C-alpha atoms as a PDB file:
ATOM      1  CA  MET A   1     -33.511 141.036 -37.950  1.00  0.00           C
ATOM      2  CA  LEU A   2     -34.632 140.468 -41.545  1.00  0.00           C
ATOM      3  CA  GLU A   3     -35.605 144.148 -41.768  1.00  0.00           C
ATOM      4  CA  GLY A   4     -32.115 145.176 -40.617  1.00  0.00           C
ATOM      5  CA  LEU A   5     -30.512 142.916 -43.199  1.00  0.00           C
ATOM      6  CA  LYS A   6     -32.633 144.445 -45.972  1.00  0.00           C
ATOM      7  CA  LYS A   7     -31.598 147.955 -44.874  1.00  0.00           C
ATOM      8  CA  PHE A   8     -27.953 146.903 -44.852  1.00  0.00           C
ATOM      9  CA  GLU A   9     -28.281 145.417 -48.351  1.00  0.00           C
ATOM     10  CA  LYS A  10     -29.924 148.605 -49.643  1.00  0.00           C
ATOM     11  CA  ILE A  11     -27.126 150.727 -48.197  1.00  0.00           C
ATOM     12  CA  ALA A  12     -24.430 148.389 -49.516  1.00  0.00           C
ATOM     13  CA  ARG A  13     -25.889 148.487 -53.036  1.00  0.00           C
ATOM     14  CA  LYS A  14     -25.867 152.304 -53.041  1.00  0.00           C
ATOM     15  CA  ALA A  15     -22.475 152.716 -51.372  1.00  0.00           C
ATOM     16  CA  HIS A  16     -20.539 152.527 -54.647  1.00  0.00           C
ATOM     17  CA  SER A  17     -22.061 155.828 -55.748  1.00  0.00           C
ATOM     18  CA  PHE A  18     -20.444 157.540 -52.747  1.00  0.00           C
ATOM     19  CA  SER A  19     -16.997 156.031 -53.168  1.00  0.00           C
ATOM     20  CA  ALA A  20     -13.734 157.932 -53.487  1.00  0.00           C
ATOM     21  CA  ASP A  21     -13.498 156.895 -57.158  1.00  0.00           C
ATOM     22  CA  LYS A  22     -15.609 159.910 -58.114  1.00  0.00           C
ATOM     23  CA  THR A  23     -12.973 162.279 -56.799  1.00  0.00           C
ATOM     24  CA  GLU A  24     -11.635 164.227 -59.744  1.00  0.00           C
ATOM     25  CA  VAL A  25      -7.911 163.915 -60.189  1.00  0.00           C
ATOM     26  CA  THR A  26      -6.357 167.091 -61.476  1.00  0.00           C
ATOM     27  CA  ASN A  27      -3.585 166.812 -63.986  1.00  0.00           C
ATOM     28  CA  ASP A  28      -0.955 169.511 -63.725  1.00  0.00           C
ATOM     29  CA  LEU A  29       0.404 168.878 -67.218  1.00  0.00           C
ATOM     30  CA  HIS A  30      -0.146 171.519 -69.867  1.00  0.00           C
ATOM     31  CA  PRO A  31      -2.133 170.152 -72.847  1.00  0.00           C
ATOM     32  CA  PHE A  32       0.980 170.661 -75.015  1.00  0.00           C
ATOM     33  CA  ASP A  33       2.898 168.330 -72.698  1.00  0.00           C
ATOM     34  CA  GLU A  34       0.079 165.780 -72.703  1.00  0.00           C
ATOM     35  CA  ARG A  35       0.165 165.789 -76.507  1.00  0.00           C
ATOM     36  CA  ASN A  36       3.983 165.969 -76.702  1.00  0.00           C
ATOM     37  CA  ILE A  37       3.858 169.013 -78.975  1.00  0.00           C
ATOM     38  CA  HIS A  38       7.230 169.625 -80.632  1.00  0.00           C
ATOM     39  CA  PRO A  39       9.165 172.364 -78.755  1.00  0.00           C
ATOM     40  CA  GLU A  40       9.520 174.522 -81.868  1.00  0.00           C
ATOM     41  CA  ILE A  41       5.777 174.308 -82.530  1.00  0.00           C
ATOM     42  CA  SER A  42       5.166 175.193 -78.869  1.00  0.00           C
ATOM     43  CA  ALA A  43       7.443 178.213 -79.212  1.00  0.00           C
ATOM     44  CA  VAL A  44       5.273 179.752 -81.932  1.00  0.00           C
ATOM     45  CA  SER A  45       1.847 178.708 -80.676  1.00  0.00           C
ATOM     46  CA  GLN A  46       1.644 178.063 -76.925  1.00  0.00           C
ATOM     47  CA  LYS A  47       1.080 181.654 -75.767  1.00  0.00           C
ATOM     48  CA  LEU A  48      -1.651 182.094 -78.375  1.00  0.00           C
ATOM     49  CA  PHE A  49      -3.246 178.828 -77.236  1.00  0.00           C
ATOM     50  CA  ASP A  50      -3.014 179.810 -73.561  1.00  0.00           C
ATOM     51  CA  ASP A  51      -4.655 183.151 -74.360  1.00  0.00           C
ATOM     52  CA  GLY A  52      -7.550 181.403 -76.123  1.00  0.00           C
ATOM     53  CA  HIS A  53      -6.503 182.288 -79.691  1.00  0.00           C
ATOM     54  CA  TYR A  54      -6.789 178.730 -80.972  1.00  0.00           C
ATOM     55  CA  SER A  55      -7.151 179.476 -84.665  1.00  0.00           C
ATOM     56  CA  GLN A  56      -4.186 181.846 -84.591  1.00  0.00           C
ATOM     57  CA  ALA A  57      -2.093 179.261 -82.709  1.00  0.00           C
ATOM     58  CA  THR A  58      -2.825 176.746 -85.465  1.00  0.00           C
ATOM     59  CA  PHE A  59      -2.095 179.304 -88.193  1.00  0.00           C
ATOM     60  CA  GLU A  60       1.287 180.211 -86.687  1.00  0.00           C
ATOM     61  CA  ALA A  61       2.281 176.545 -86.354  1.00  0.00           C
ATOM     62  CA  TYR A  62       1.587 175.849 -90.017  1.00  0.00           C
ATOM     63  CA  LYS A  63       3.280 179.055 -91.143  1.00  0.00           C
ATOM     64  CA  TYR A  64       6.279 177.753 -89.228  1.00  0.00           C
ATOM     65  CA  ILE A  65       6.091 174.392 -91.024  1.00  0.00           C
ATOM     66  CA  ASP A  66       5.906 176.188 -94.378  1.00  0.00           C
ATOM     67  CA  LYS A  67       8.936 178.349 -93.515  1.00  0.00           C
ATOM     68  CA  GLU A  68      10.919 175.320 -92.296  1.00  0.00           C
ATOM     69  CA  VAL A  69      10.277 173.435 -95.535  1.00  0.00           C
ATOM     70  CA  HIS A  70      11.278 176.574 -97.464  1.00  0.00           C
ATOM     71  CA  ARG A  71      14.473 176.948 -95.412  1.00  0.00           C
ATOM     72  CA  LEU A  72      15.486 173.299 -95.769  1.00  0.00           C
ATOM     73  CA  SER A  73      14.634 172.982 -99.456  1.00  0.00           C
ATOM     74  CA  ASN A  74      15.681 176.408-100.771  1.00  0.00           C
ATOM     75  CA  VAL A  75      12.621 176.287-103.033  1.00  0.00           C
ATOM     76  CA  ASN A  76      11.340 179.806-103.642  1.00  0.00           C
ATOM     77  CA  GLU A  77       7.654 178.947-103.271  1.00  0.00           C
ATOM     78  CA  SER A  78       5.153 178.479-100.480  1.00  0.00           C
ATOM     79  CA  GLY A  79       2.160 176.298 -99.762  1.00  0.00           C
ATOM     80  CA  TYR A  80       1.161 173.658-102.279  1.00  0.00           C
ATOM     81  CA  LYS A  81       3.879 174.453-104.842  1.00  0.00           C
ATOM     82  CA  LEU A  82       6.578 174.395-102.176  1.00  0.00           C
ATOM     83  CA  MET A  83       5.497 171.015-100.830  1.00  0.00           C
ATOM     84  CA  MET A  84       5.214 169.447-104.291  1.00  0.00           C
ATOM     85  CA  GLN A  85       8.748 170.530-105.222  1.00  0.00           C
ATOM     86  CA  ALA A  86      10.402 169.994-101.843  1.00  0.00           C
ATOM     87  CA  PHE A  87       9.113 166.436-101.393  1.00  0.00           C
ATOM     88  CA  SER A  88       8.957 165.338-105.044  1.00  0.00           C
ATOM     89  CA  GLU A  89       9.824 161.669-105.112  1.00  0.00           C
ATOM     90  CA  ALA A  90      11.514 162.117-108.522  1.00  0.00           C
ATOM     91  CA  SER A  91      13.955 164.836-107.404  1.00  0.00           C
ATOM     92  CA  PRO A  92      13.346 165.706-103.760  1.00  0.00           C
ATOM     93  CA  LYS A  93      14.974 168.662-102.065  1.00  0.00           C
ATOM     94  CA  ILE A  94      14.032 167.048 -98.745  1.00  0.00           C
ATOM     95  CA  LYS A  95      14.184 163.264 -98.493  1.00  0.00           C
ATOM     96  CA  LEU A  96      12.082 161.718 -95.740  1.00  0.00           C
ATOM     97  CA  THR A  97      13.233 158.200 -96.676  1.00  0.00           C
ATOM     98  CA  ASN A  98      16.152 156.690 -98.585  1.00  0.00           C
ATOM     99  CA  LEU A  99      13.872 156.270-101.629  1.00  0.00           C
ATOM    100  CA  SER A 100      15.492 152.911-102.378  1.00  0.00           C
ATOM    101  CA  THR A 101      12.359 150.736-102.340  1.00  0.00           C
ATOM    102  CA  SER A 102       8.868 151.206-103.694  1.00  0.00           C
ATOM    103  CA  SER A 103       7.588 151.442-100.105  1.00  0.00           C
ATOM    104  CA  GLU A 104      10.011 154.267 -99.335  1.00  0.00           C
ATOM    105  CA  ILE A 105       9.022 156.062-102.541  1.00  0.00           C
ATOM    106  CA  ASP A 106       5.347 155.642-101.595  1.00  0.00           C
ATOM    107  CA  GLU A 107       6.063 157.006 -98.117  1.00  0.00           C
ATOM    108  CA  GLN A 108       7.830 160.050 -99.580  1.00  0.00           C
ATOM    109  CA  GLN A 109       4.893 160.655-101.914  1.00  0.00           C
ATOM    110  CA  GLY A 110       2.395 160.185 -99.103  1.00  0.00           C
ATOM    111  CA  TYR A 111       4.127 162.713 -96.877  1.00  0.00           C
ATOM    112  CA  LYS A 112       4.359 165.114 -99.810  1.00  0.00           C
ATOM    113  CA  PHE A 113       0.565 165.032 -99.941  1.00  0.00           C
ATOM    114  CA  ILE A 114       0.198 165.207 -96.151  1.00  0.00           C
ATOM    115  CA  PHE A 115       2.418 168.304 -95.976  1.00  0.00           C
ATOM    116  CA  SER A 116       0.590 169.862 -98.906  1.00  0.00           C
ATOM    117  CA  GLY A 117      -2.839 168.925 -97.595  1.00  0.00           C
ATOM    118  CA  ALA A 118      -2.078 170.274 -94.133  1.00  0.00           C
ATOM    119  CA  VAL A 119      -1.024 173.627 -95.543  1.00  0.00           C
ATOM    120  CA  MET A 120      -4.013 173.798 -97.886  1.00  0.00           C
ATOM    121  CA  ALA A 121      -6.694 172.534 -95.500  1.00  0.00           C
ATOM    122  CA  ILE A 122      -5.453 173.835 -92.153  1.00  0.00           C
ATOM    123  CA  ARG A 123      -3.218 176.863 -92.704  1.00  0.00           C
ATOM    124  CA  ASN A 124      -4.803 178.504 -95.750  1.00  0.00           C
ATOM    125  CA  PRO A 125      -8.371 178.976 -94.458  1.00  0.00           C
ATOM    126  CA  ARG A 126      -7.027 180.664 -91.319  1.00  0.00           C
ATOM    127  CA  GLY A 127      -4.891 182.978 -93.429  1.00  0.00           C
ATOM    128  CA  HIS A 128      -7.698 184.021 -95.759  1.00  0.00           C
ATOM    129  CA  GLU A 129     -10.694 184.286 -93.444  1.00  0.00           C
ATOM    130  CA  TYR A 130     -11.287 187.108 -90.990  1.00  0.00           C
ATOM    131  CA  SER A 131     -12.574 184.939 -88.170  1.00  0.00           C
ATOM    132  CA  PHE A 132     -12.121 181.200 -88.122  1.00  0.00           C
ATOM    133  CA  PRO A 133     -13.662 179.464 -85.083  1.00  0.00           C
ATOM    134  CA  GLU A 134     -11.667 176.659 -83.518  1.00  0.00           C
ATOM    135  CA  THR A 135     -12.056 174.732 -80.271  1.00  0.00           C
ATOM    136  CA  PRO A 136      -9.141 173.908 -77.963  1.00  0.00           C
ATOM    137  CA  ASP A 137      -9.386 170.223 -78.945  1.00  0.00           C
ATOM    138  CA  GLN A 138      -9.350 171.036 -82.666  1.00  0.00           C
ATOM    139  CA  CYS A 139      -6.320 173.243 -82.117  1.00  0.00           C
ATOM    140  CA  LEU A 140      -4.498 170.511 -80.198  1.00  0.00           C
ATOM    141  CA  ASP A 141      -5.256 168.017 -82.972  1.00  0.00           C
ATOM    142  CA  HIS A 142      -3.867 170.438 -85.564  1.00  0.00           C
ATOM    143  CA  LEU A 143      -0.791 171.120 -83.450  1.00  0.00           C
ATOM    144  CA  SER A 144      -0.227 167.382 -82.986  1.00  0.00           C
ATOM    145  CA  LEU A 145      -0.144 166.960 -86.757  1.00  0.00           C
ATOM    146  CA  ALA A 146       2.195 169.966 -87.095  1.00  0.00           C
ATOM    147  CA  SER A 147       4.451 168.311 -84.503  1.00  0.00           C
ATOM    148  CA  LEU A 148       4.526 165.088 -86.496  1.00  0.00           C
ATOM    149  CA  LEU A 149       5.463 167.033 -89.628  1.00  0.00           C
ATOM    150  CA  LYS A 150       8.187 168.926 -87.776  1.00  0.00           C
ATOM    151  CA  ARG A 151       9.609 165.679 -86.418  1.00  0.00           C
ATOM    152  CA  LYS A 152       9.682 164.265 -89.953  1.00  0.00           C
ATOM    153  CA  LEU A 153      11.661 167.347 -91.011  1.00  0.00           C
ATOM    154  CA  ASP A 154      14.016 166.890 -88.056  1.00  0.00           C
ATOM    155  CA  HIS A 155      14.926 163.417 -89.331  1.00  0.00           C
ATOM    156  CA  SER A 156      15.015 164.281 -93.026  1.00  0.00           C
ATOM    157  CA  ILE A 157      17.917 164.095 -95.433  1.00  0.00           C
ATOM    158  CA  VAL A 158      18.614 167.429 -97.113  1.00  0.00           C
END
């Protein structure tokens, strides 16, 4: 009887490793939906992403951001110069806040640098290098930031 109880205890202690919890649940959502990628960013990058062209998907998203800032601001520049002029807290072409408090001015300035930094650090290397390796997760992170920037533009004051 004691031997049977020991066998039962041994089986019971190992049973958790055979439980249904290890069954993998498949998620039918596209990674763009999981990350809530902005629809306009999806439009320029999803096919490239789906085809495994992660660096190109990122590049196209940030080209789109650059063109959107250009369109909204009517500043005849691109990249760093465009972002500095478009979001200048002194005389902005695109206002992301009301600029009525020091916090709102700081936020405008911060986003000016985020827009500029994103174009310089994310878009530019992909535009100047022949082959730029990027993983799917890196691409999704870049596209998430592009989506945030696009949403800021959507709610801007021009």
